[in-house]
Amino acid sequence: MTRQIGAAVKALLVLTVVCGIVYPAAILGVGLLVPERAAGQPVRVDGREVGSALLGQPPSGPEWFQGRPSASDAAGDTSGGSNYGPANPDLAAAVADREKALRAANPDAPQTIPADALTASASGLDPDISPEYARWQVARVAAARGLEQARVLRLVDQHVRRAPLGILGQDRVDVLELNVALAALGRG
């Protein structure tokens, strides 16, 4: 029995060193090699942090592009979808409410609303929207800012990130980065 206790103590010490010191030190080292990514990819404007390129921002007004709906509060401290299945009446009601609100806020937008404008993301914190949803919002944003729609549309097209290798995932637009460029357009 003494031999077993000795082996257990040795295993405890080795695992404590590996899991409590070596592994955290290795992760810290990787974080120091890529500080922007380790810090959450902050987006700065004029030296001031305005958000993260990795997290969706809550909607803030008609003059800005809006992100995907969120089943959480989009503050970042809670994350998760509604977990409603496609046949759930609560999901159908939420989509219908979103459609009604979007049509009221975007009266000059095309008739067909992109799916990502109506459905909440799985995490509730997605920073990206589809290029279709960004283009769908152009009329509202241009009108609210007193800009030509063609100019705002060019800005959207400049911020489309293509799917890696053209096949991995989907084309997307980071809403915060687009809004930062939109603000710079107004200053320029």
N, C-alpha and C. Protein backbone atom coordinates (compact mmCIF):
# COMPACT_ATOMS: atom_id res chain seq x y z
N MET A 1 0.82 -1.18 0.00
CA MET A 1 0.00 0.00 0.00
C MET A 1 0.88 1.26 0.00
N THR A 2 1.99 1.23 0.68
CA THR A 2 2.89 2.37 0.71
C THR A 2 3.40 2.67 -0.69
N ARG A 3 3.68 1.62 -1.45
CA ARG A 3 4.15 1.79 -2.83
C ARG A 3 3.08 2.47 -3.69
N GLN A 4 1.83 2.11 -3.51
CA GLN A 4 0.73 2.73 -4.27
C GLN A 4 0.56 4.20 -3.88
N ILE A 5 0.68 4.51 -2.62
CA ILE A 5 0.56 5.91 -2.18
C ILE A 5 1.72 6.72 -2.76
N GLY A 6 2.90 6.16 -2.75
CA GLY A 6 4.07 6.84 -3.32
C GLY A 6 3.88 7.10 -4.82
N ALA A 7 3.35 6.13 -5.55
CA ALA A 7 3.10 6.30 -6.99
C ALA A 7 2.02 7.36 -7.22
N ALA A 8 1.01 7.36 -6.37
CA ALA A 8 -0.06 8.35 -6.51
C ALA A 8 0.46 9.76 -6.24
N VAL A 9 1.30 9.92 -5.24
CA VAL A 9 1.87 11.23 -4.92
C VAL A 9 2.77 11.71 -6.07
N LYS A 10 3.58 10.79 -6.63
CA LYS A 10 4.43 11.15 -7.77
C LYS A 10 3.58 11.57 -8.97
N ALA A 11 2.53 10.83 -9.25
CA ALA A 11 1.63 11.18 -10.37
C ALA A 11 0.98 12.53 -10.13
N LEU A 12 0.56 12.78 -8.89
CA LEU A 12 -0.04 14.07 -8.54
C LEU A 12 0.95 15.21 -8.79
N LEU A 13 2.17 15.03 -8.35
CA LEU A 13 3.19 16.07 -8.54
C LEU A 13 3.48 16.31 -10.02
N VAL A 14 3.65 15.24 -10.78
CA VAL A 14 3.93 15.38 -12.22
C VAL A 14 2.76 16.06 -12.93
N LEU A 15 1.55 15.62 -12.67
CA LEU A 15 0.38 16.23 -13.32
C LEU A 15 0.17 17.67 -12.88
N THR A 16 0.48 17.98 -11.62
CA THR A 16 0.37 19.36 -11.15
C THR A 16 1.34 20.25 -11.90
N VAL A 17 2.58 19.79 -12.07
CA VAL A 17 3.57 20.58 -12.81
C VAL A 17 3.17 20.72 -14.27
N VAL A 18 2.76 19.62 -14.91
CA VAL A 18 2.40 19.67 -16.33
C VAL A 18 1.14 20.50 -16.55
N CYS A 19 0.09 20.22 -15.82
CA CYS A 19 -1.20 20.88 -16.04
C CYS A 19 -1.30 22.26 -15.38
N GLY A 20 -0.54 22.46 -14.32
CA GLY A 20 -0.65 23.72 -13.59
C GLY A 20 0.42 24.74 -13.92
N ILE A 21 1.53 24.29 -14.53
CA ILE A 21 2.63 25.22 -14.84
C ILE A 21 3.02 25.17 -16.31
N VAL A 22 3.37 24.00 -16.81
CA VAL A 22 3.88 23.89 -18.18
C VAL A 22 2.82 24.28 -19.21
N TYR A 23 1.63 23.69 -19.12
CA TYR A 23 0.56 24.00 -20.09
C TYR A 23 0.15 25.47 -20.04
N PRO A 24 -0.16 26.05 -18.88
CA PRO A 24 -0.50 27.48 -18.86
C PRO A 24 0.63 28.36 -19.39
N ALA A 25 1.88 28.01 -19.09
CA ALA A 25 3.01 28.80 -19.60
C ALA A 25 3.09 28.71 -21.12
N ALA A 26 2.82 27.54 -21.67
CA ALA A 26 2.83 27.38 -23.14
C ALA A 26 1.72 28.21 -23.78
N ILE A 27 0.54 28.20 -23.22
CA ILE A 27 -0.57 28.99 -23.75
C ILE A 27 -0.26 30.48 -23.63
N LEU A 28 0.33 30.91 -22.53
CA LEU A 28 0.73 32.30 -22.37
C LEU A 28 1.76 32.68 -23.43
N GLY A 29 2.70 31.78 -23.70
CA GLY A 29 3.72 32.04 -24.73
C GLY A 29 3.11 32.22 -26.10
N VAL A 30 2.15 31.39 -26.44
CA VAL A 30 1.46 31.52 -27.73
C VAL A 30 0.72 32.86 -27.78
N GLY A 31 0.07 33.22 -26.69
CA GLY A 31 -0.64 34.50 -26.63
C GLY A 31 0.29 35.68 -26.81
N LEU A 32 1.50 35.59 -26.28
CA LEU A 32 2.46 36.67 -26.43
C LEU A 32 2.98 36.78 -27.86
N LEU A 33 2.96 35.66 -28.59
CA LEU A 33 3.40 35.68 -29.99
C LEU A 33 2.38 36.34 -30.91
N VAL A 34 1.11 36.26 -30.56
CA VAL A 34 0.04 36.86 -31.36
C VAL A 34 -0.84 37.73 -30.46
N PRO A 35 -0.33 38.87 -30.02
CA PRO A 35 -1.04 39.65 -29.00
C PRO A 35 -2.41 40.17 -29.44
N GLU A 36 -2.57 40.58 -30.69
CA GLU A 36 -3.88 41.09 -31.13
C GLU A 36 -4.94 40.01 -31.07
N ARG A 37 -4.59 38.82 -31.54
CA ARG A 37 -5.56 37.73 -31.51
C ARG A 37 -5.86 37.29 -30.08
N ALA A 38 -4.84 37.28 -29.24
CA ALA A 38 -5.03 36.86 -27.85
C ALA A 38 -5.86 37.87 -27.08
N ALA A 39 -5.85 39.12 -27.50
CA ALA A 39 -6.61 40.17 -26.81
C ALA A 39 -8.02 40.31 -27.36
N GLY A 40 -8.43 39.44 -28.28
CA GLY A 40 -9.79 39.49 -28.81
C GLY A 40 -9.94 40.35 -30.05
N GLN A 41 -8.86 40.64 -30.73
CA GLN A 41 -8.84 41.45 -31.95
C GLN A 41 -9.62 42.76 -31.78
N PRO A 42 -9.16 43.61 -30.87
CA PRO A 42 -9.86 44.89 -30.68
C PRO A 42 -9.79 45.76 -31.92
N VAL A 43 -10.88 46.48 -32.17
CA VAL A 43 -10.94 47.43 -33.27
C VAL A 43 -10.82 48.82 -32.65
N ARG A 44 -9.85 49.58 -33.16
CA ARG A 44 -9.61 50.92 -32.60
C ARG A 44 -9.86 51.98 -33.66
N VAL A 45 -10.43 53.08 -33.22
CA VAL A 45 -10.65 54.25 -34.07
C VAL A 45 -10.05 55.44 -33.33
N ASP A 46 -9.12 56.10 -33.97
CA ASP A 46 -8.44 57.25 -33.35
C ASP A 46 -7.87 56.89 -31.98
N GLY A 47 -7.30 55.68 -31.88
CA GLY A 47 -6.68 55.24 -30.64
C GLY A 47 -7.64 54.76 -29.56
N ARG A 48 -8.93 54.81 -29.83
CA ARG A 48 -9.94 54.40 -28.86
C ARG A 48 -10.55 53.07 -29.28
N GLU A 49 -10.64 52.14 -28.36
CA GLU A 49 -11.22 50.83 -28.67
C GLU A 49 -12.73 50.96 -28.80
N VAL A 50 -13.27 50.50 -29.96
CA VAL A 50 -14.71 50.61 -30.21
C VAL A 50 -15.42 49.26 -30.22
N GLY A 51 -14.66 48.18 -30.12
CA GLY A 51 -15.27 46.86 -30.12
C GLY A 51 -14.26 45.80 -30.50
N SER A 52 -14.76 44.62 -30.75
CA SER A 52 -13.93 43.48 -31.14
C SER A 52 -14.39 42.97 -32.50
N ALA A 53 -13.42 42.61 -33.33
CA ALA A 53 -13.75 42.05 -34.64
C ALA A 53 -14.34 40.65 -34.50
N LEU A 54 -14.29 40.09 -33.30
CA LEU A 54 -14.78 38.73 -33.09
C LEU A 54 -16.17 38.65 -32.49
N LEU A 55 -16.72 39.80 -32.06
CA LEU A 55 -18.02 39.80 -31.41
C LEU A 55 -18.99 40.75 -32.09
N GLY A 56 -20.21 40.31 -32.25
CA GLY A 56 -21.23 41.18 -32.79
C GLY A 56 -21.57 42.30 -31.82
N GLN A 57 -21.97 43.42 -32.37
CA GLN A 57 -22.32 44.58 -31.55
C GLN A 57 -23.84 44.74 -31.56
N PRO A 58 -24.41 45.21 -30.46
CA PRO A 58 -25.86 45.42 -30.45
C PRO A 58 -26.26 46.54 -31.43
N PRO A 59 -27.46 46.46 -31.99
CA PRO A 59 -27.91 47.50 -32.93
C PRO A 59 -27.91 48.88 -32.27
N SER A 60 -27.61 49.92 -33.07
CA SER A 60 -27.50 51.24 -32.45
C SER A 60 -28.21 52.36 -33.19
N GLY A 61 -28.85 52.13 -34.30
CA GLY A 61 -29.59 53.19 -34.97
C GLY A 61 -29.67 52.99 -36.47
N PRO A 62 -30.57 53.71 -37.14
CA PRO A 62 -30.80 53.50 -38.58
C PRO A 62 -29.62 53.91 -39.45
N GLU A 63 -28.70 54.72 -38.94
CA GLU A 63 -27.56 55.17 -39.74
C GLU A 63 -26.41 54.16 -39.75
N TRP A 64 -26.59 53.06 -39.06
CA TRP A 64 -25.56 52.03 -38.97
C TRP A 64 -26.07 50.70 -39.53
N PHE A 65 -25.15 49.88 -40.03
CA PHE A 65 -25.50 48.53 -40.45
C PHE A 65 -25.75 47.71 -39.19
N GLN A 66 -26.74 46.85 -39.26
CA GLN A 66 -27.14 46.03 -38.12
C GLN A 66 -26.61 44.61 -38.31
N GLY A 67 -26.26 43.97 -37.20
CA GLY A 67 -25.81 42.58 -37.24
C GLY A 67 -26.98 41.63 -37.19
N ARG A 68 -26.66 40.38 -37.01
CA ARG A 68 -27.70 39.35 -36.90
C ARG A 68 -28.46 39.49 -35.60
N PRO A 69 -29.70 39.06 -35.60
CA PRO A 69 -30.45 39.04 -34.34
C PRO A 69 -29.77 38.09 -33.36
N SER A 70 -30.00 38.32 -32.09
CA SER A 70 -29.39 37.52 -31.05
C SER A 70 -30.47 37.00 -30.11
N ALA A 71 -30.36 35.72 -29.75
CA ALA A 71 -31.28 35.16 -28.77
C ALA A 71 -30.86 35.57 -27.36
N SER A 72 -29.59 36.04 -27.23
CA SER A 72 -29.12 36.55 -25.94
C SER A 72 -29.17 38.08 -26.00
N ASP A 73 -28.57 38.73 -25.04
CA ASP A 73 -28.62 40.19 -25.02
C ASP A 73 -27.51 40.84 -25.85
N ALA A 74 -26.68 40.05 -26.53
CA ALA A 74 -25.58 40.52 -27.38
C ALA A 74 -24.55 41.32 -26.61
N ALA A 75 -24.52 41.21 -25.30
CA ALA A 75 -23.53 41.95 -24.51
C ALA A 75 -22.23 41.18 -24.39
N GLY A 76 -22.24 39.91 -24.71
CA GLY A 76 -21.03 39.12 -24.63
C GLY A 76 -20.92 38.32 -23.35
N ASP A 77 -21.64 38.71 -22.31
CA ASP A 77 -21.56 37.95 -21.07
C ASP A 77 -22.50 36.75 -21.07
N THR A 78 -23.43 36.73 -22.01
CA THR A 78 -24.27 35.56 -22.21
C THR A 78 -24.16 35.17 -23.68
N SER A 79 -24.17 33.91 -23.92
CA SER A 79 -24.04 33.44 -25.29
C SER A 79 -24.91 32.21 -25.46
N GLY A 80 -25.55 32.12 -26.59
CA GLY A 80 -26.34 30.94 -26.87
C GLY A 80 -27.54 31.26 -27.72
N GLY A 81 -27.98 30.28 -28.42
CA GLY A 81 -29.16 30.43 -29.26
C GLY A 81 -30.41 30.10 -28.46
N SER A 82 -31.53 30.18 -29.14
CA SER A 82 -32.80 29.88 -28.47
C SER A 82 -33.01 28.38 -28.35
N ASN A 83 -32.33 27.61 -29.20
CA ASN A 83 -32.46 26.16 -29.27
C ASN A 83 -33.85 25.72 -29.70
N TYR A 84 -34.61 26.62 -30.34
CA TYR A 84 -35.91 26.25 -30.88
C TYR A 84 -35.71 25.49 -32.18
N GLY A 85 -36.47 24.44 -32.35
CA GLY A 85 -36.45 23.69 -33.59
C GLY A 85 -37.28 24.39 -34.65
N PRO A 86 -37.16 23.98 -35.92
CA PRO A 86 -37.87 24.66 -37.00
C PRO A 86 -39.38 24.58 -36.89
N ALA A 87 -39.91 23.63 -36.17
CA ALA A 87 -41.36 23.51 -36.03
C ALA A 87 -41.89 24.21 -34.78
N ASN A 88 -41.02 24.81 -34.00
CA ASN A 88 -41.44 25.45 -32.76
C ASN A 88 -42.21 26.73 -33.06
N PRO A 89 -43.40 26.89 -32.50
CA PRO A 89 -44.20 28.09 -32.77
C PRO A 89 -43.55 29.37 -32.23
N ASP A 90 -42.74 29.26 -31.17
CA ASP A 90 -42.05 30.44 -30.65
C ASP A 90 -41.01 30.96 -31.64
N LEU A 91 -40.35 30.04 -32.35
CA LEU A 91 -39.38 30.45 -33.38
C LEU A 91 -40.12 31.14 -34.52
N ALA A 92 -41.22 30.57 -34.95
CA ALA A 92 -42.00 31.18 -36.04
C ALA A 92 -42.48 32.56 -35.65
N ALA A 93 -42.90 32.73 -34.40
CA ALA A 93 -43.36 34.05 -33.93
C ALA A 93 -42.21 35.04 -33.88
N ALA A 94 -41.04 34.60 -33.42
CA ALA A 94 -39.87 35.49 -33.36
C ALA A 94 -39.46 35.94 -34.76
N VAL A 95 -39.47 35.01 -35.72
CA VAL A 95 -39.11 35.36 -37.10
C VAL A 95 -40.14 36.33 -37.68
N ALA A 96 -41.41 36.10 -37.41
CA ALA A 96 -42.46 37.00 -37.91
C ALA A 96 -42.32 38.40 -37.29
N ASP A 97 -42.00 38.46 -36.01
CA ASP A 97 -41.78 39.77 -35.35
C ASP A 97 -40.57 40.49 -35.96
N ARG A 98 -39.50 39.74 -36.20
CA ARG A 98 -38.30 40.35 -36.80
C ARG A 98 -38.60 40.85 -38.20
N GLU A 99 -39.36 40.08 -38.96
CA GLU A 99 -39.70 40.49 -40.33
C GLU A 99 -40.51 41.78 -40.31
N LYS A 100 -41.49 41.86 -39.42
CA LYS A 100 -42.32 43.05 -39.31
C LYS A 100 -41.46 44.27 -38.94
N ALA A 101 -40.58 44.11 -37.97
CA ALA A 101 -39.71 45.22 -37.53
C ALA A 101 -38.75 45.63 -38.64
N LEU A 102 -38.20 44.66 -39.35
CA LEU A 102 -37.27 44.99 -40.45
C LEU A 102 -37.97 45.72 -41.58
N ARG A 103 -39.16 45.29 -41.93
CA ARG A 103 -39.90 45.98 -43.00
C ARG A 103 -40.25 47.41 -42.59
N ALA A 104 -40.59 47.62 -41.32
CA ALA A 104 -40.92 48.97 -40.85
C ALA A 104 -39.68 49.87 -40.85
N ALA A 105 -38.53 49.31 -40.48
CA ALA A 105 -37.30 50.10 -40.40
C ALA A 105 -36.63 50.28 -41.76
N ASN A 106 -36.96 49.42 -42.72
CA ASN A 106 -36.33 49.44 -44.04
C ASN A 106 -37.38 49.47 -45.14
N PRO A 107 -38.19 50.51 -45.23
CA PRO A 107 -39.29 50.52 -46.20
C PRO A 107 -38.83 50.51 -47.66
N ASP A 108 -37.63 50.96 -47.94
CA ASP A 108 -37.14 51.01 -49.32
C ASP A 108 -36.27 49.81 -49.68
N ALA A 109 -36.14 48.85 -48.78
CA ALA A 109 -35.31 47.67 -49.04
C ALA A 109 -36.02 46.73 -50.00
N PRO A 110 -35.25 45.84 -50.64
CA PRO A 110 -35.88 44.84 -51.52
C PRO A 110 -36.90 43.99 -50.75
N GLN A 111 -37.81 43.40 -51.47
CA GLN A 111 -38.90 42.63 -50.87
C GLN A 111 -38.40 41.42 -50.08
N THR A 112 -37.45 40.66 -50.64
CA THR A 112 -36.99 39.45 -49.99
C THR A 112 -35.95 39.78 -48.93
N ILE A 113 -36.22 39.39 -47.69
CA ILE A 113 -35.29 39.64 -46.59
C ILE A 113 -34.36 38.43 -46.48
N PRO A 114 -33.05 38.66 -46.44
CA PRO A 114 -32.11 37.55 -46.30
C PRO A 114 -32.36 36.76 -45.00
N ALA A 115 -32.11 35.47 -45.05
CA ALA A 115 -32.40 34.60 -43.91
C ALA A 115 -31.63 34.99 -42.66
N ASP A 116 -30.39 35.46 -42.81
CA ASP A 116 -29.62 35.79 -41.61
C ASP A 116 -30.12 37.06 -40.93
N ALA A 117 -31.00 37.80 -41.58
CA ALA A 117 -31.62 38.96 -40.94
C ALA A 117 -32.78 38.54 -40.04
N LEU A 118 -33.31 37.36 -40.28
CA LEU A 118 -34.49 36.90 -39.56
C LEU A 118 -34.19 35.87 -38.48
N THR A 119 -33.10 35.14 -38.64
CA THR A 119 -32.79 34.05 -37.71
C THR A 119 -31.62 34.44 -36.81
N ALA A 120 -31.73 34.13 -35.54
CA ALA A 120 -30.65 34.42 -34.59
C ALA A 120 -29.50 33.44 -34.81
N SER A 121 -28.32 33.91 -34.54
CA SER A 121 -27.15 33.05 -34.69
C SER A 121 -27.10 32.05 -33.54
N ALA A 122 -26.32 31.00 -33.71
CA ALA A 122 -26.23 29.96 -32.68
C ALA A 122 -25.62 30.51 -31.40
N SER A 123 -24.59 31.35 -31.52
CA SER A 123 -23.96 31.90 -30.32
C SER A 123 -24.63 33.18 -29.86
N GLY A 124 -25.28 33.87 -30.79
CA GLY A 124 -25.86 35.17 -30.48
C GLY A 124 -24.84 36.29 -30.52
N LEU A 125 -23.60 35.98 -30.89
CA LEU A 125 -22.53 36.97 -30.87
C LEU A 125 -21.78 37.07 -32.20
N ASP A 126 -22.35 36.56 -33.27
CA ASP A 126 -21.66 36.58 -34.56
C ASP A 126 -21.36 38.00 -35.01
N PRO A 127 -20.10 38.26 -35.42
CA PRO A 127 -19.75 39.61 -35.89
C PRO A 127 -20.09 39.81 -37.36
N ASP A 128 -20.39 38.74 -38.07
CA ASP A 128 -20.55 38.81 -39.52
C ASP A 128 -22.00 38.64 -39.95
N ILE A 129 -22.28 39.25 -41.09
CA ILE A 129 -23.56 39.03 -41.77
C ILE A 129 -23.24 38.66 -43.21
N SER A 130 -24.23 38.19 -43.93
CA SER A 130 -24.03 37.86 -45.33
C SER A 130 -23.93 39.14 -46.15
N PRO A 131 -23.21 39.11 -47.26
CA PRO A 131 -23.19 40.29 -48.14
C PRO A 131 -24.59 40.69 -48.59
N GLU A 132 -25.48 39.72 -48.73
CA GLU A 132 -26.85 40.01 -49.15
C GLU A 132 -27.58 40.85 -48.09
N TYR A 133 -27.38 40.50 -46.83
CA TYR A 133 -28.02 41.26 -45.76
C TYR A 133 -27.42 42.67 -45.67
N ALA A 134 -26.12 42.80 -45.85
CA ALA A 134 -25.50 44.13 -45.84
C ALA A 134 -26.06 44.97 -46.99
N ARG A 135 -26.14 44.38 -48.18
CA ARG A 135 -26.68 45.13 -49.33
C ARG A 135 -28.16 45.47 -49.13
N TRP A 136 -28.88 44.59 -48.46
CA TRP A 136 -30.30 44.81 -48.21
C TRP A 136 -30.51 46.07 -47.35
N GLN A 137 -29.54 46.40 -46.49
CA GLN A 137 -29.65 47.54 -45.59
C GLN A 137 -29.17 48.86 -46.20
N VAL A 138 -28.60 48.83 -47.39
CA VAL A 138 -27.98 50.01 -47.99
C VAL A 138 -28.95 51.19 -48.10
N ALA A 139 -30.16 50.96 -48.54
CA ALA A 139 -31.11 52.06 -48.74
C ALA A 139 -31.36 52.82 -47.43
N ARG A 140 -31.57 52.09 -46.35
CA ARG A 140 -31.83 52.72 -45.05
C ARG A 140 -30.61 53.51 -44.56
N VAL A 141 -29.43 52.91 -44.64
CA VAL A 141 -28.22 53.56 -44.14
C VAL A 141 -27.91 54.80 -44.98
N ALA A 142 -28.02 54.69 -46.29
CA ALA A 142 -27.73 55.83 -47.17
C ALA A 142 -28.71 56.98 -46.89
N ALA A 143 -29.98 56.67 -46.72
CA ALA A 143 -30.97 57.71 -46.45
C ALA A 143 -30.71 58.37 -45.10
N ALA A 144 -30.39 57.58 -44.08
CA ALA A 144 -30.17 58.13 -42.75
C ALA A 144 -28.92 59.01 -42.70
N ARG A 145 -27.95 58.73 -43.58
CA ARG A 145 -26.71 59.50 -43.59
C ARG A 145 -26.67 60.56 -44.68
N GLY A 146 -27.70 60.59 -45.53
CA GLY A 146 -27.70 61.56 -46.62
C GLY A 146 -26.65 61.27 -47.68
N LEU A 147 -26.37 59.99 -47.90
CA LEU A 147 -25.37 59.58 -48.89
C LEU A 147 -26.05 58.92 -50.08
N GLU A 148 -25.35 58.86 -51.19
CA GLU A 148 -25.86 58.15 -52.36
C GLU A 148 -25.78 56.65 -52.09
N GLN A 149 -26.82 55.93 -52.51
CA GLN A 149 -26.84 54.49 -52.30
C GLN A 149 -25.67 53.81 -52.99
N ALA A 150 -25.29 54.28 -54.16
CA ALA A 150 -24.18 53.66 -54.89
C ALA A 150 -22.88 53.75 -54.10
N ARG A 151 -22.68 54.85 -53.40
CA ARG A 151 -21.46 55.03 -52.60
C ARG A 151 -21.44 54.07 -51.42
N VAL A 152 -22.57 53.91 -50.76
CA VAL A 152 -22.67 53.00 -49.62
C VAL A 152 -22.55 51.55 -50.10
N LEU A 153 -23.14 51.25 -51.24
CA LEU A 153 -23.03 49.90 -51.81
C LEU A 153 -21.58 49.56 -52.14
N ARG A 154 -20.83 50.51 -52.69
CA ARG A 154 -19.40 50.28 -52.98
C ARG A 154 -18.65 49.97 -51.69
N LEU A 155 -19.00 50.69 -50.62
CA LEU A 155 -18.35 50.45 -49.33
C LEU A 155 -18.64 49.03 -48.84
N VAL A 156 -19.88 48.60 -48.98
CA VAL A 156 -20.23 47.22 -48.59
C VAL A 156 -19.40 46.23 -49.41
N ASP A 157 -19.37 46.43 -50.72
CA ASP A 157 -18.65 45.49 -51.58
C ASP A 157 -17.15 45.46 -51.27
N GLN A 158 -16.60 46.57 -50.81
CA GLN A 158 -15.18 46.60 -50.44
C GLN A 158 -14.92 45.82 -49.15
N HIS A 159 -15.94 45.59 -48.35
CA HIS A 159 -15.77 44.90 -47.07
C HIS A 159 -16.25 43.45 -47.08
N VAL A 160 -16.55 42.93 -48.24
CA VAL A 160 -16.93 41.52 -48.33
C VAL A 160 -15.67 40.67 -48.21
N ARG A 161 -15.66 39.77 -47.26
CA ARG A 161 -14.56 38.81 -47.10
C ARG A 161 -14.98 37.53 -47.80
N ARG A 162 -14.20 37.13 -48.75
CA ARG A 162 -14.52 35.92 -49.51
C ARG A 162 -14.26 34.67 -48.67
N ALA A 163 -15.00 33.63 -48.96
CA ALA A 163 -14.81 32.35 -48.29
C ALA A 163 -13.40 31.85 -48.59
N PRO A 164 -12.69 31.34 -47.58
CA PRO A 164 -11.34 30.82 -47.84
C PRO A 164 -11.35 29.75 -48.93
N LEU A 165 -10.44 29.90 -49.87
CA LEU A 165 -10.31 29.01 -51.02
C LEU A 165 -11.57 28.98 -51.88
N GLY A 166 -12.48 29.87 -51.61
CA GLY A 166 -13.71 29.95 -52.38
C GLY A 166 -14.73 28.88 -52.06
N ILE A 167 -14.39 27.98 -51.14
CA ILE A 167 -15.31 26.87 -50.84
C ILE A 167 -15.51 26.62 -49.34
N LEU A 168 -14.64 27.18 -48.50
CA LEU A 168 -14.73 26.92 -47.07
C LEU A 168 -15.57 28.00 -46.39
N GLY A 169 -16.78 27.67 -46.05
CA GLY A 169 -17.66 28.65 -45.44
C GLY A 169 -18.37 29.49 -46.48
N GLN A 170 -18.74 30.69 -46.07
CA GLN A 170 -19.50 31.59 -46.95
C GLN A 170 -18.85 32.96 -46.95
N ASP A 171 -19.13 33.73 -48.00
CA ASP A 171 -18.70 35.12 -48.01
C ASP A 171 -19.39 35.82 -46.86
N ARG A 172 -18.72 36.84 -46.28
CA ARG A 172 -19.29 37.51 -45.11
C ARG A 172 -18.79 38.94 -45.03
N VAL A 173 -19.47 39.72 -44.20
CA VAL A 173 -19.12 41.12 -43.95
C VAL A 173 -19.08 41.31 -42.44
N ASP A 174 -17.95 41.81 -41.92
CA ASP A 174 -17.85 42.13 -40.49
C ASP A 174 -18.57 43.46 -40.27
N VAL A 175 -19.62 43.45 -39.50
CA VAL A 175 -20.48 44.63 -39.32
C VAL A 175 -19.73 45.77 -38.65
N LEU A 176 -18.94 45.48 -37.63
CA LEU A 176 -18.22 46.54 -36.93
C LEU A 176 -17.21 47.21 -37.87
N GLU A 177 -16.46 46.42 -38.59
CA GLU A 177 -15.48 47.00 -39.52
C GLU A 177 -16.16 47.82 -40.61
N LEU A 178 -17.32 47.36 -41.08
CA LEU A 178 -18.07 48.12 -42.07
C LEU A 178 -18.56 49.44 -41.49
N ASN A 179 -19.06 49.41 -40.25
CA ASN A 179 -19.53 50.63 -39.61
C ASN A 179 -18.39 51.61 -39.32
N VAL A 180 -17.21 51.09 -38.99
CA VAL A 180 -16.05 51.96 -38.78
C VAL A 180 -15.70 52.65 -40.10
N ALA A 181 -15.71 51.91 -41.20
CA ALA A 181 -15.44 52.51 -42.52
C ALA A 181 -16.52 53.51 -42.89
N LEU A 182 -17.75 53.22 -42.53
CA LEU A 182 -18.85 54.13 -42.79
C LEU A 182 -18.68 55.44 -42.03
N ALA A 183 -18.24 55.35 -40.78
CA ALA A 183 -17.99 56.55 -39.99
C ALA A 183 -16.84 57.36 -40.59
N ALA A 184 -15.81 56.67 -41.07
CA ALA A 184 -14.67 57.36 -41.70
C ALA A 184 -15.11 58.04 -42.99
N LEU A 185 -16.04 57.43 -43.70
CA LEU A 185 -16.58 58.02 -44.93
C LEU A 185 -17.27 59.34 -44.62
N GLY A 186 -17.97 59.39 -43.51
CA GLY A 186 -18.65 60.61 -43.11
C GLY A 186 -17.69 61.70 -42.67
N ARG A 187 -16.51 61.27 -42.13
CA ARG A 187 -15.51 62.25 -41.71
C ARG A 187 -14.68 62.74 -42.88
N GLY A 188 -14.56 61.87 -43.91
CA GLY A 188 -13.68 62.19 -45.03
C GLY A 188 -14.35 63.02 -46.01
